[in-house]
Amino acid sequence: MRKHKQLEELVRKLKKAAIENNAPVWRKIARELEKPTRLRREVNIFKIDRYGREGEIIVVPGKVLGVGELSKKLTVAAYRFSEKARKKILSNGKIVEIEELLKKNPKGTNIRIIA
């Protein structure tokens, strides 16, 4: 499946989950992902480290970049990761796909959106 079609499918699932589970966090993430690529969020690891709390689930509705260090054990979900960011997060935390997170946590509890 092409990336564009995958993104459309993800947005559809997020919107559906928001309605079915009364979880506005998924609607917010879907809206961010619907934006054109050039307007989509890019967040560096230092920002995730600054605003994330130990053990928390962080969602970036866009791309995670590798500037900075991750000093806390966090679970990070994003649409895309740079290779450098992926390595840094995995050294201290965990990476999950947004769709996987949606299946595990349909109510959207304990999620912090960093955009």
PDB file of N, CA and C in Angstrom:
ATOM      1  N   MET A   1       0.854  -1.180   0.000  1.00  0.00           N
ATOM      2  CA  MET A   1       0.000   0.000   0.000  1.00  0.00           C
ATOM      3  C   MET A   1       0.898   1.240   0.000  1.00  0.00           C
ATOM      4  N   ARG A   2       0.565   2.206  -0.828  1.00  0.00           N
ATOM      5  CA  ARG A   2       1.354   3.437  -0.891  1.00  0.00           C
ATOM      6  C   ARG A   2       1.217   4.230   0.404  1.00  0.00           C
ATOM      7  N   LYS A   3       2.246   5.041   0.692  1.00  0.00           N
ATOM      8  CA  LYS A   3       2.264   5.804   1.944  1.00  0.00           C
ATOM      9  C   LYS A   3       1.039   6.693   2.093  1.00  0.00           C
ATOM     10  N   HIS A   4       0.631   7.329   0.993  1.00  0.00           N
ATOM     11  CA  HIS A   4      -0.522   8.228   1.057  1.00  0.00           C
ATOM     12  C   HIS A   4      -1.780   7.460   1.458  1.00  0.00           C
ATOM     13  N   LYS A   5      -1.960   6.285   0.885  1.00  0.00           N
ATOM     14  CA  LYS A   5      -3.125   5.461   1.214  1.00  0.00           C
ATOM     15  C   LYS A   5      -3.049   4.962   2.648  1.00  0.00           C
ATOM     16  N   GLN A   6      -1.839   4.617   3.113  1.00  0.00           N
ATOM     17  CA  GLN A   6      -1.658   4.175   4.490  1.00  0.00           C
ATOM     18  C   GLN A   6      -2.033   5.292   5.460  1.00  0.00           C
ATOM     19  N   LEU A   7      -1.617   6.514   5.143  1.00  0.00           N
ATOM     20  CA  LEU A   7      -1.934   7.653   5.998  1.00  0.00           C
ATOM     21  C   LEU A   7      -3.434   7.899   6.029  1.00  0.00           C
ATOM     22  N   GLU A   8      -4.085   7.847   4.880  1.00  0.00           N
ATOM     23  CA  GLU A   8      -5.540   8.029   4.832  1.00  0.00           C
ATOM     24  C   GLU A   8      -6.248   6.978   5.679  1.00  0.00           C
ATOM     25  N   GLU A   9      -5.782   5.743   5.602  1.00  0.00           N
ATOM     26  CA  GLU A   9      -6.369   4.654   6.380  1.00  0.00           C
ATOM     27  C   GLU A   9      -6.163   4.880   7.876  1.00  0.00           C
ATOM     28  N   LEU A  10      -4.969   5.320   8.276  1.00  0.00           N
ATOM     29  CA  LEU A  10      -4.679   5.613   9.671  1.00  0.00           C
ATOM     30  C   LEU A  10      -5.576   6.726  10.193  1.00  0.00           C
ATOM     31  N   VAL A  11      -5.730   7.797   9.421  1.00  0.00           N
ATOM     32  CA  VAL A  11      -6.585   8.917   9.827  1.00  0.00           C
ATOM     33  C   VAL A  11      -8.029   8.447   9.998  1.00  0.00           C
ATOM     34  N   ARG A  12      -8.491   7.604   9.081  1.00  0.00           N
ATOM     35  CA  ARG A  12      -9.857   7.074   9.171  1.00  0.00           C
ATOM     36  C   ARG A  12     -10.036   6.262  10.457  1.00  0.00           C
ATOM     37  N   LYS A  13      -9.059   5.412  10.777  1.00  0.00           N
ATOM     38  CA  LYS A  13      -9.132   4.597  11.996  1.00  0.00           C
ATOM     39  C   LYS A  13      -9.108   5.461  13.248  1.00  0.00           C
ATOM     40  N   LEU A  14      -8.279   6.505  13.238  1.00  0.00           N
ATOM     41  CA  LEU A  14      -8.198   7.407  14.389  1.00  0.00           C
ATOM     42  C   LEU A  14      -9.529   8.125  14.630  1.00  0.00           C
ATOM     43  N   LYS A  15     -10.139   8.616  13.558  1.00  0.00           N
ATOM     44  CA  LYS A  15     -11.423   9.307  13.689  1.00  0.00           C
ATOM     45  C   LYS A  15     -12.515   8.362  14.192  1.00  0.00           C
ATOM     46  N   LYS A  16     -12.509   7.150  13.671  1.00  0.00           N
ATOM     47  CA  LYS A  16     -13.494   6.150  14.090  1.00  0.00           C
ATOM     48  C   LYS A  16     -13.327   5.821  15.573  1.00  0.00           C
ATOM     49  N   ALA A  17     -12.090   5.634  16.006  1.00  0.00           N
ATOM     50  CA  ALA A  17     -11.808   5.330  17.411  1.00  0.00           C
ATOM     51  C   ALA A  17     -12.203   6.491  18.318  1.00  0.00           C
ATOM     52  N   ALA A  18     -12.002   7.714  17.853  1.00  0.00           N
ATOM     53  CA  ALA A  18     -12.371   8.889  18.642  1.00  0.00           C
ATOM     54  C   ALA A  18     -13.872   8.900  18.925  1.00  0.00           C
ATOM     55  N   ILE A  19     -14.655   8.549  17.924  1.00  0.00           N
ATOM     56  CA  ILE A  19     -16.116   8.535  18.083  1.00  0.00           C
ATOM     57  C   ILE A  19     -16.552   7.348  18.939  1.00  0.00           C
ATOM     58  N   GLU A  20     -16.069   6.150  18.596  1.00  0.00           N
ATOM     59  CA  GLU A  20     -16.502   4.935  19.294  1.00  0.00           C
ATOM     60  C   GLU A  20     -16.109   4.912  20.761  1.00  0.00           C
ATOM     61  N   ASN A  21     -14.963   5.473  21.102  1.00  0.00           N
ATOM     62  CA  ASN A  21     -14.448   5.411  22.471  1.00  0.00           C
ATOM     63  C   ASN A  21     -14.552   6.732  23.225  1.00  0.00           C
ATOM     64  N   ASN A  22     -15.199   7.721  22.610  1.00  0.00           N
ATOM     65  CA  ASN A  22     -15.308   9.046  23.206  1.00  0.00           C
ATOM     66  C   ASN A  22     -13.917   9.526  23.667  1.00  0.00           C
ATOM     67  N   ALA A  23     -12.959   9.456  22.732  1.00  0.00           N
ATOM     68  CA  ALA A  23     -11.567   9.785  23.023  1.00  0.00           C
ATOM     69  C   ALA A  23     -11.094  10.893  22.080  1.00  0.00           C
ATOM     70  N   PRO A  24     -11.266  12.147  22.482  1.00  0.00           N
ATOM     71  CA  PRO A  24     -10.891  13.265  21.604  1.00  0.00           C
ATOM     72  C   PRO A  24      -9.414  13.324  21.244  1.00  0.00           C
ATOM     73  N   VAL A  25      -8.554  12.652  22.005  1.00  0.00           N
ATOM     74  CA  VAL A  25      -7.119  12.663  21.706  1.00  0.00           C
ATOM     75  C   VAL A  25      -6.866  12.083  20.308  1.00  0.00           C
ATOM     76  N   TRP A  26      -7.615  11.057  19.921  1.00  0.00           N
ATOM     77  CA  TRP A  26      -7.417  10.459  18.595  1.00  0.00           C
ATOM     78  C   TRP A  26      -7.870  11.394  17.487  1.00  0.00           C
ATOM     79  N   ARG A  27      -8.919  12.173  17.725  1.00  0.00           N
ATOM     80  CA  ARG A  27      -9.391  13.149  16.730  1.00  0.00           C
ATOM     81  C   ARG A  27      -8.342  14.239  16.524  1.00  0.00           C
ATOM     82  N   LYS A  28      -7.730  14.679  17.615  1.00  0.00           N
ATOM     83  CA  LYS A  28      -6.683  15.711  17.536  1.00  0.00           C
ATOM     84  C   LYS A  28      -5.485  15.202  16.719  1.00  0.00           C
ATOM     85  N   ILE A  29      -5.072  13.962  16.973  1.00  0.00           N
ATOM     86  CA  ILE A  29      -3.953  13.384  16.232  1.00  0.00           C
ATOM     87  C   ILE A  29      -4.315  13.242  14.756  1.00  0.00           C
ATOM     88  N   ALA A  30      -5.542  12.811  14.473  1.00  0.00           N
ATOM     89  CA  ALA A  30      -5.994  12.666  13.079  1.00  0.00           C
ATOM     90  C   ALA A  30      -5.953  14.007  12.359  1.00  0.00           C
ATOM     91  N   ARG A  31      -6.400  15.069  13.018  1.00  0.00           N
ATOM     92  CA  ARG A  31      -6.385  16.403  12.399  1.00  0.00           C
ATOM     93  C   ARG A  31      -4.967  16.851  12.073  1.00  0.00           C
ATOM     94  N   GLU A  32      -4.043  16.577  12.982  1.00  0.00           N
ATOM     95  CA  GLU A  32      -2.647  16.948  12.745  1.00  0.00           C
ATOM     96  C   GLU A  32      -2.065  16.169  11.562  1.00  0.00           C
ATOM     97  N   LEU A  33      -2.412  14.896  11.460  1.00  0.00           N
ATOM     98  CA  LEU A  33      -1.885  14.066  10.373  1.00  0.00           C
ATOM     99  C   LEU A  33      -2.505  14.397   9.018  1.00  0.00           C
ATOM    100  N   GLU A  34      -3.668  15.032   9.023  1.00  0.00           N
ATOM    101  CA  GLU A  34      -4.328  15.419   7.769  1.00  0.00           C
ATOM    102  C   GLU A  34      -3.667  16.629   7.120  1.00  0.00           C
ATOM    103  N   LYS A  35      -2.868  17.353   7.868  1.00  0.00           N
ATOM    104  CA  LYS A  35      -2.218  18.543   7.332  1.00  0.00           C
ATOM    105  C   LYS A  35      -1.256  18.164   6.211  1.00  0.00           C
ATOM    106  N   PRO A  36      -1.009  19.087   5.296  1.00  0.00           N
ATOM    107  CA  PRO A  36      -0.021  18.816   4.243  1.00  0.00           C
ATOM    108  C   PRO A  36       1.348  18.514   4.862  1.00  0.00           C
ATOM    109  N   THR A  37       2.157  17.750   4.171  1.00  0.00           N
ATOM    110  CA  THR A  37       3.467  17.326   4.677  1.00  0.00           C
ATOM    111  C   THR A  37       4.300  18.503   5.148  1.00  0.00           C
ATOM    112  N   ARG A  38       4.305  19.593   4.418  1.00  0.00           N
ATOM    113  CA  ARG A  38       5.146  20.726   4.790  1.00  0.00           C
ATOM    114  C   ARG A  38       4.666  21.429   6.057  1.00  0.00           C
ATOM    115  N   LEU A  39       3.414  21.176   6.472  1.00  0.00           N
ATOM    116  CA  LEU A  39       2.886  21.783   7.695  1.00  0.00           C
ATOM    117  C   LEU A  39       2.857  20.794   8.861  1.00  0.00           C
ATOM    118  N   ARG A  40       3.196  19.550   8.585  1.00  0.00           N
ATOM    119  CA  ARG A  40       3.175  18.527   9.624  1.00  0.00           C
ATOM    120  C   ARG A  40       4.299  18.778  10.622  1.00  0.00           C
ATOM    121  N   ARG A  41       4.086  18.399  11.857  1.00  0.00           N
ATOM    122  CA  ARG A  41       5.024  18.682  12.948  1.00  0.00           C
ATOM    123  C   ARG A  41       6.323  17.891  12.823  1.00  0.00           C
ATOM    124  N   GLU A  42       7.411  18.538  13.216  1.00  0.00           N
ATOM    125  CA  GLU A  42       8.709  17.891  13.365  1.00  0.00           C
ATOM    126  C   GLU A  42       9.200  18.249  14.760  1.00  0.00           C
ATOM    127  N   VAL A  43       9.468  17.230  15.566  1.00  0.00           N
ATOM    128  CA  VAL A  43       9.832  17.432  16.967  1.00  0.00           C
ATOM    129  C   VAL A  43      11.161  16.741  17.240  1.00  0.00           C
ATOM    130  N   ASN A  44      12.066  17.465  17.887  1.00  0.00           N
ATOM    131  CA  ASN A  44      13.360  16.896  18.256  1.00  0.00           C
ATOM    132  C   ASN A  44      13.256  16.157  19.593  1.00  0.00           C
ATOM    133  N   ILE A  45      14.173  15.240  19.800  1.00  0.00           N
ATOM    134  CA  ILE A  45      14.177  14.428  21.023  1.00  0.00           C
ATOM    135  C   ILE A  45      14.298  15.284  22.277  1.00  0.00           C
ATOM    136  N   PHE A  46      15.065  16.370  22.229  1.00  0.00           N
ATOM    137  CA  PHE A  46      15.218  17.204  23.423  1.00  0.00           C
ATOM    138  C   PHE A  46      13.875  17.753  23.891  1.00  0.00           C
ATOM    139  N   LYS A  47      12.966  18.032  22.978  1.00  0.00           N
ATOM    140  CA  LYS A  47      11.643  18.539  23.353  1.00  0.00           C
ATOM    141  C   LYS A  47      10.805  17.429  23.993  1.00  0.00           C
ATOM    142  N   ILE A  48      10.908  16.230  23.457  1.00  0.00           N
ATOM    143  CA  ILE A  48      10.209  15.090  24.045  1.00  0.00           C
ATOM    144  C   ILE A  48      10.729  14.847  25.456  1.00  0.00           C
ATOM    145  N   ASP A  49      12.050  14.935  25.637  1.00  0.00           N
ATOM    146  CA  ASP A  49      12.656  14.729  26.949  1.00  0.00           C
ATOM    147  C   ASP A  49      12.229  15.825  27.932  1.00  0.00           C
ATOM    148  N   ARG A  50      12.131  17.039  27.458  1.00  0.00           N
ATOM    149  CA  ARG A  50      11.774  18.165  28.314  1.00  0.00           C
ATOM    150  C   ARG A  50      10.336  18.071  28.814  1.00  0.00           C
ATOM    151  N   TYR A  51       9.395  17.725  27.943  1.00  0.00           N
ATOM    152  CA  TYR A  51       7.981  17.766  28.313  1.00  0.00           C
ATOM    153  C   TYR A  51       7.395  16.411  28.719  1.00  0.00           C
ATOM    154  N   GLY A  52       8.084  15.331  28.399  1.00  0.00           N
ATOM    155  CA  GLY A  52       7.586  14.006  28.769  1.00  0.00           C
ATOM    156  C   GLY A  52       7.935  13.666  30.205  1.00  0.00           C
ATOM    157  N   ARG A  53       7.063  12.889  30.853  1.00  0.00           N
ATOM    158  CA  ARG A  53       7.319  12.419  32.213  1.00  0.00           C
ATOM    159  C   ARG A  53       7.679  10.944  32.163  1.00  0.00           C
ATOM    160  N   GLU A  54       8.481  10.513  33.110  1.00  0.00           N
ATOM    161  CA  GLU A  54       8.941   9.122  33.184  1.00  0.00           C
ATOM    162  C   GLU A  54       7.768   8.148  33.035  1.00  0.00           C
ATOM    163  N   GLY A  55       7.905   7.185  32.116  1.00  0.00           N
ATOM    164  CA  GLY A  55       6.887   6.157  31.919  1.00  0.00           C
ATOM    165  C   GLY A  55       5.692   6.575  31.076  1.00  0.00           C
ATOM    166  N   GLU A  56       5.685   7.795  30.594  1.00  0.00           N
ATOM    167  CA  GLU A  56       4.551   8.336  29.850  1.00  0.00           C
ATOM    168  C   GLU A  56       4.576   7.894  28.381  1.00  0.00           C
ATOM    169  N   ILE A  57       3.414   7.989  27.748  1.00  0.00           N
ATOM    170  CA  ILE A  57       3.298   7.719  26.316  1.00  0.00           C
ATOM    171  C   ILE A  57       3.241   9.061  25.597  1.00  0.00           C
ATOM    172  N   ILE A  58       4.184   9.278  24.692  1.00  0.00           N
ATOM    173  CA  ILE A  58       4.264  10.518  23.927  1.00  0.00           C
ATOM    174  C   ILE A  58       3.864  10.215  22.493  1.00  0.00           C
ATOM    175  N   VAL A  59       2.987  11.051  21.932  1.00  0.00           N
ATOM    176  CA  VAL A  59       2.604  10.908  20.525  1.00  0.00           C
ATOM    177  C   VAL A  59       3.009  12.171  19.781  1.00  0.00           C
ATOM    178  N   VAL A  60       3.719  11.969  18.681  1.00  0.00           N
ATOM    179  CA  VAL A  60       4.107  13.080  17.804  1.00  0.00           C
ATOM    180  C   VAL A  60       3.376  12.866  16.482  1.00  0.00           C
ATOM    181  N   PRO A  61       2.389  13.716  16.180  1.00  0.00           N
ATOM    182  CA  PRO A  61       1.663  13.568  14.914  1.00  0.00           C
ATOM    183  C   PRO A  61       2.469  14.158  13.758  1.00  0.00           C
ATOM    184  N   GLY A  62       3.584  13.555  13.478  1.00  0.00           N
ATOM    185  CA  GLY A  62       4.504  14.022  12.452  1.00  0.00           C
ATOM    186  C   GLY A  62       5.781  13.216  12.551  1.00  0.00           C
ATOM    187  N   LYS A  63       6.920  13.909  12.488  1.00  0.00           N
ATOM    188  CA  LYS A  63       8.213  13.228  12.462  1.00  0.00           C
ATOM    189  C   LYS A  63       9.037  13.581  13.692  1.00  0.00           C
ATOM    190  N   VAL A  64       9.728  12.575  14.237  1.00  0.00           N
ATOM    191  CA  VAL A  64      10.653  12.789  15.353  1.00  0.00           C
ATOM    192  C   VAL A  64      12.060  12.868  14.771  1.00  0.00           C
ATOM    193  N   LEU A  65      12.780  13.937  15.144  1.00  0.00           N
ATOM    194  CA  LEU A  65      14.155  14.163  14.684  1.00  0.00           C
ATOM    195  C   LEU A  65      15.130  13.886  15.820  1.00  0.00           C
ATOM    196  N   GLY A  66      16.388  13.675  15.492  1.00  0.00           N
ATOM    197  CA  GLY A  66      17.360  13.169  16.455  1.00  0.00           C
ATOM    198  C   GLY A  66      18.183  14.156  17.245  1.00  0.00           C
ATOM    199  N   VAL A  67      17.816  15.427  17.324  1.00  0.00           N
ATOM    200  CA  VAL A  67      18.608  16.395  18.084  1.00  0.00           C
ATOM    201  C   VAL A  67      18.271  16.269  19.564  1.00  0.00           C
ATOM    202  N   GLY A  68      19.296  16.072  20.382  1.00  0.00           N
ATOM    203  CA  GLY A  68      19.103  15.956  21.823  1.00  0.00           C
ATOM    204  C   GLY A  68      19.264  14.531  22.297  1.00  0.00           C
ATOM    205  N   GLU A  69      19.077  14.351  23.597  1.00  0.00           N
ATOM    206  CA  GLU A  69      19.195  13.035  24.228  1.00  0.00           C
ATOM    207  C   GLU A  69      17.933  12.749  25.026  1.00  0.00           C
ATOM    208  N   LEU A  70      17.599  11.478  25.128  1.00  0.00           N
ATOM    209  CA  LEU A  70      16.438  11.051  25.902  1.00  0.00           C
ATOM    210  C   LEU A  70      16.941  10.485  27.224  1.00  0.00           C
ATOM    211  N   SER A  71      16.617  11.159  28.328  1.00  0.00           N
ATOM    212  CA  SER A  71      17.103  10.732  29.643  1.00  0.00           C
ATOM    213  C   SER A  71      16.039   9.998  30.449  1.00  0.00           C
ATOM    214  N   LYS A  72      14.816   9.914  29.917  1.00  0.00           N
ATOM    215  CA  LYS A  72      13.714   9.264  30.633  1.00  0.00           C
ATOM    216  C   LYS A  72      13.241   8.043  29.863  1.00  0.00           C
ATOM    217  N   LYS A  73      12.667   7.100  30.581  1.00  0.00           N
ATOM    218  CA  LYS A  73      12.078   5.929  29.932  1.00  0.00           C
ATOM    219  C   LYS A  73      10.673   6.313  29.472  1.00  0.00           C
ATOM    220  N   LEU A  74      10.539   6.527  28.162  1.00  0.00           N
ATOM    221  CA  LEU A  74       9.265   6.933  27.570  1.00  0.00           C
ATOM    222  C   LEU A  74       8.903   5.987  26.443  1.00  0.00           C
ATOM    223  N   THR A  75       7.618   5.910  26.162  1.00  0.00           N
ATOM    224  CA  THR A  75       7.146   5.229  24.968  1.00  0.00           C
ATOM    225  C   THR A  75       6.788   6.321  23.982  1.00  0.00           C
ATOM    226  N   VAL A  76       7.343   6.268  22.787  1.00  0.00           N
ATOM    227  CA  VAL A  76       7.126   7.309  21.788  1.00  0.00           C
ATOM    228  C   VAL A  76       6.441   6.705  20.565  1.00  0.00           C
ATOM    229  N   ALA A  77       5.355   7.328  20.154  1.00  0.00           N
ATOM    230  CA  ALA A  77       4.648   6.943  18.936  1.00  0.00           C
ATOM    231  C   ALA A  77       4.658   8.154  18.011  1.00  0.00           C
ATOM    232  N   ALA A  78       4.931   7.921  16.737  1.00  0.00           N
ATOM    233  CA  ALA A  78       4.953   9.009  15.769  1.00  0.00           C
ATOM    234  C   ALA A  78       4.633   8.449  14.394  1.00  0.00           C
ATOM    235  N   TYR A  79       4.318   9.361  13.486  1.00  0.00           N
ATOM    236  CA  TYR A  79       4.067   8.920  12.115  1.00  0.00           C
ATOM    237  C   TYR A  79       5.374   8.482  11.458  1.00  0.00           C
ATOM    238  N   ARG A  80       6.461   9.236  11.726  1.00  0.00           N
ATOM    239  CA  ARG A  80       7.770   8.894  11.155  1.00  0.00           C
ATOM    240  C   ARG A  80       8.864   9.219  12.164  1.00  0.00           C
ATOM    241  N   PHE A  81      10.007   8.537  12.022  1.00  0.00           N
ATOM    242  CA  PHE A  81      11.183   8.776  12.855  1.00  0.00           C
ATOM    243  C   PHE A  81      12.400   8.883  11.948  1.00  0.00           C
ATOM    244  N   SER A  82      13.311   9.810  12.267  1.00  0.00           N
ATOM    245  CA  SER A  82      14.597   9.785  11.573  1.00  0.00           C
ATOM    246  C   SER A  82      15.363   8.589  12.128  1.00  0.00           C
ATOM    247  N   GLU A  83      16.346   8.112  11.394  1.00  0.00           N
ATOM    248  CA  GLU A  83      17.116   6.951  11.844  1.00  0.00           C
ATOM    249  C   GLU A  83      17.853   7.267  13.148  1.00  0.00           C
ATOM    250  N   LYS A  84      18.404   8.473  13.242  1.00  0.00           N
ATOM    251  CA  LYS A  84      19.125   8.902  14.441  1.00  0.00           C
ATOM    252  C   LYS A  84      18.189   8.940  15.653  1.00  0.00           C
ATOM    253  N   ALA A  85      16.982   9.465  15.455  1.00  0.00           N
ATOM    254  CA  ALA A  85      16.001   9.541  16.546  1.00  0.00           C
ATOM    255  C   ALA A  85      15.598   8.144  16.992  1.00  0.00           C
ATOM    256  N   ARG A  86      15.384   7.256  16.045  1.00  0.00           N
ATOM    257  CA  ARG A  86      14.992   5.877  16.361  1.00  0.00           C
ATOM    258  C   ARG A  86      16.033   5.219  17.275  1.00  0.00           C
ATOM    259  N   LYS A  87      17.311   5.363  16.942  1.00  0.00           N
ATOM    260  CA  LYS A  87      18.389   4.763  17.735  1.00  0.00           C
ATOM    261  C   LYS A  87      18.440   5.358  19.141  1.00  0.00           C
ATOM    262  N   LYS A  88      18.315   6.681  19.238  1.00  0.00           N
ATOM    263  CA  LYS A  88      18.391   7.341  20.546  1.00  0.00           C
ATOM    264  C   LYS A  88      17.219   6.948  21.436  1.00  0.00           C
ATOM    265  N   ILE A  89      16.029   6.870  20.873  1.00  0.00           N
ATOM    266  CA  ILE A  89      14.858   6.502  21.677  1.00  0.00           C
ATOM    267  C   ILE A  89      14.967   5.060  22.145  1.00  0.00           C
ATOM    268  N   LEU A  90      15.369   4.168  21.252  1.00  0.00           N
ATOM    269  CA  LEU A  90      15.467   2.746  21.609  1.00  0.00           C
ATOM    270  C   LEU A  90      16.550   2.472  22.647  1.00  0.00           C
ATOM    271  N   SER A  91      17.524   3.374  22.779  1.00  0.00           N
ATOM    272  CA  SER A  91      18.573   3.180  23.778  1.00  0.00           C
ATOM    273  C   SER A  91      18.040   3.355  25.199  1.00  0.00           C
ATOM    274  N   ASN A  92      16.942   4.082  25.373  1.00  0.00           N
ATOM    275  CA  ASN A  92      16.417   4.338  26.712  1.00  0.00           C
ATOM    276  C   ASN A  92      14.905   4.148  26.815  1.00  0.00           C
ATOM    277  N   GLY A  93      14.220   4.110  25.690  1.00  0.00           N
ATOM    278  CA  GLY A  93      12.767   4.033  25.718  1.00  0.00           C
ATOM    279  C   GLY A  93      12.238   2.995  24.756  1.00  0.00           C
ATOM    280  N   LYS A  94      11.027   3.237  24.292  1.00  0.00           N
ATOM    281  CA  LYS A  94      10.349   2.277  23.428  1.00  0.00           C
ATOM    282  C   LYS A  94       9.636   3.037  22.307  1.00  0.00           C
ATOM    283  N   ILE A  95       9.591   2.432  21.128  1.00  0.00           N
ATOM    284  CA  ILE A  95       8.891   3.013  19.985  1.00  0.00           C
ATOM    285  C   ILE A  95       7.711   2.110  19.627  1.00  0.00           C
ATOM    286  N   VAL A  96       6.544   2.730  19.414  1.00  0.00           N
ATOM    287  CA  VAL A  96       5.380   1.995  18.907  1.00  0.00           C
ATOM    288  C   VAL A  96       4.778   2.786  17.755  1.00  0.00           C
ATOM    289  N   GLU A  97       4.122   2.092  16.859  1.00  0.00           N
ATOM    290  CA  GLU A  97       3.413   2.754  15.769  1.00  0.00           C
ATOM    291  C   GLU A  97       2.131   3.346  16.334  1.00  0.00           C
ATOM    292  N   ILE A  98       1.638   4.423  15.746  1.00  0.00           N
ATOM    293  CA  ILE A  98       0.402   5.049  16.213  1.00  0.00           C
ATOM    294  C   ILE A  98      -0.750   4.055  16.136  1.00  0.00           C
ATOM    295  N   GLU A  99      -0.805   3.282  15.065  1.00  0.00           N
ATOM    296  CA  GLU A  99      -1.887   2.308  14.905  1.00  0.00           C
ATOM    297  C   GLU A  99      -1.837   1.229  15.995  1.00  0.00           C
ATOM    298  N   GLU A 100      -0.646   0.796  16.352  1.00  0.00           N
ATOM    299  CA  GLU A 100      -0.474  -0.196  17.419  1.00  0.00           C
ATOM    300  C   GLU A 100      -0.932   0.386  18.758  1.00  0.00           C
ATOM    301  N   LEU A 101      -0.570   1.638  19.012  1.00  0.00           N
ATOM    302  CA  LEU A 101      -0.984   2.325  20.233  1.00  0.00           C
ATOM    303  C   LEU A 101      -2.503   2.451  20.286  1.00  0.00           C
ATOM    304  N   LEU A 102      -3.107   2.736  19.170  1.00  0.00           N
ATOM    305  CA  LEU A 102      -4.563   2.849  19.084  1.00  0.00           C
ATOM    306  C   LEU A 102      -5.227   1.530  19.487  1.00  0.00           C
ATOM    307  N   LYS A 103      -4.674   0.418  19.039  1.00  0.00           N
ATOM    308  CA  LYS A 103      -5.230  -0.903  19.393  1.00  0.00           C
ATOM    309  C   LYS A 103      -5.051  -1.209  20.873  1.00  0.00           C
ATOM    310  N   LYS A 104      -3.893  -0.865  21.428  1.00  0.00           N
ATOM    311  CA  LYS A 104      -3.599  -1.154  22.836  1.00  0.00           C
ATOM    312  C   LYS A 104      -4.330  -0.219  23.797  1.00  0.00           C
ATOM    313  N   ASN A 105      -4.575   1.002  23.365  1.00  0.00           N
ATOM    314  CA  ASN A 105      -5.136   2.027  24.236  1.00  0.00           C
ATOM    315  C   ASN A 105      -6.270   2.771  23.516  1.00  0.00           C
ATOM    316  N   PRO A 106      -7.398   2.100  23.223  1.00  0.00           N
ATOM    317  CA  PRO A 106      -8.462   2.743  22.444  1.00  0.00           C
ATOM    318  C   PRO A 106      -9.095   3.958  23.131  1.00  0.00           C
ATOM    319  N   LYS A 107      -9.032   4.014  24.451  1.00  0.00           N
ATOM    320  CA  LYS A 107      -9.591   5.165  25.177  1.00  0.00           C
ATOM    321  C   LYS A 107      -8.664   6.374  25.145  1.00  0.00           C
ATOM    322  N   GLY A 108      -7.411   6.156  24.746  1.00  0.00           N
ATOM    323  CA  GLY A 108      -6.466   7.267  24.644  1.00  0.00           C
ATOM    324  C   GLY A 108      -6.042   7.840  25.983  1.00  0.00           C
ATOM    325  N   THR A 109      -5.978   7.000  27.013  1.00  0.00           N
ATOM    326  CA  THR A 109      -5.610   7.484  28.342  1.00  0.00           C
ATOM    327  C   THR A 109      -4.100   7.575  28.494  1.00  0.00           C
ATOM    328  N   ASN A 110      -3.675   8.515  29.341  1.00  0.00           N
ATOM    329  CA  ASN A 110      -2.256   8.725  29.647  1.00  0.00           C
ATOM    330  C   ASN A 110      -1.397   8.972  28.426  1.00  0.00           C
ATOM    331  N   ILE A 111      -1.916   9.725  27.483  1.00  0.00           N
ATOM    332  CA  ILE A 111      -1.176  10.078  26.273  1.00  0.00           C
ATOM    333  C   ILE A 111      -0.925  11.577  26.273  1.00  0.00           C
ATOM    334  N   ARG A 112       0.307  11.956  25.970  1.00  0.00           N
ATOM    335  CA  ARG A 112       0.653  13.376  25.835  1.00  0.00           C
ATOM    336  C   ARG A 112       1.049  13.611  24.376  1.00  0.00           C
ATOM    337  N   ILE A 113       0.388  14.579  23.748  1.00  0.00           N
ATOM    338  CA  ILE A 113       0.716  14.940  22.365  1.00  0.00           C
ATOM    339  C   ILE A 113       1.752  16.058  22.418  1.00  0.00           C
ATOM    340  N   ILE A 114       2.847  15.850  21.735  1.00  0.00           N
ATOM    341  CA  ILE A 114       3.857  16.905  21.608  1.00  0.00           C
ATOM    342  C   ILE A 114       3.953  17.273  20.142  1.00  0.00           C
ATOM    343  N   ALA A 115       3.622  18.519  19.855  1.00  0.00           N
ATOM    344  CA  ALA A 115       3.607  18.957  18.463  1.00  0.00           C
ATOM    345  C   ALA A 115       4.230  20.335  18.349  1.00  0.00           C
TER     346      ALA A 115
END
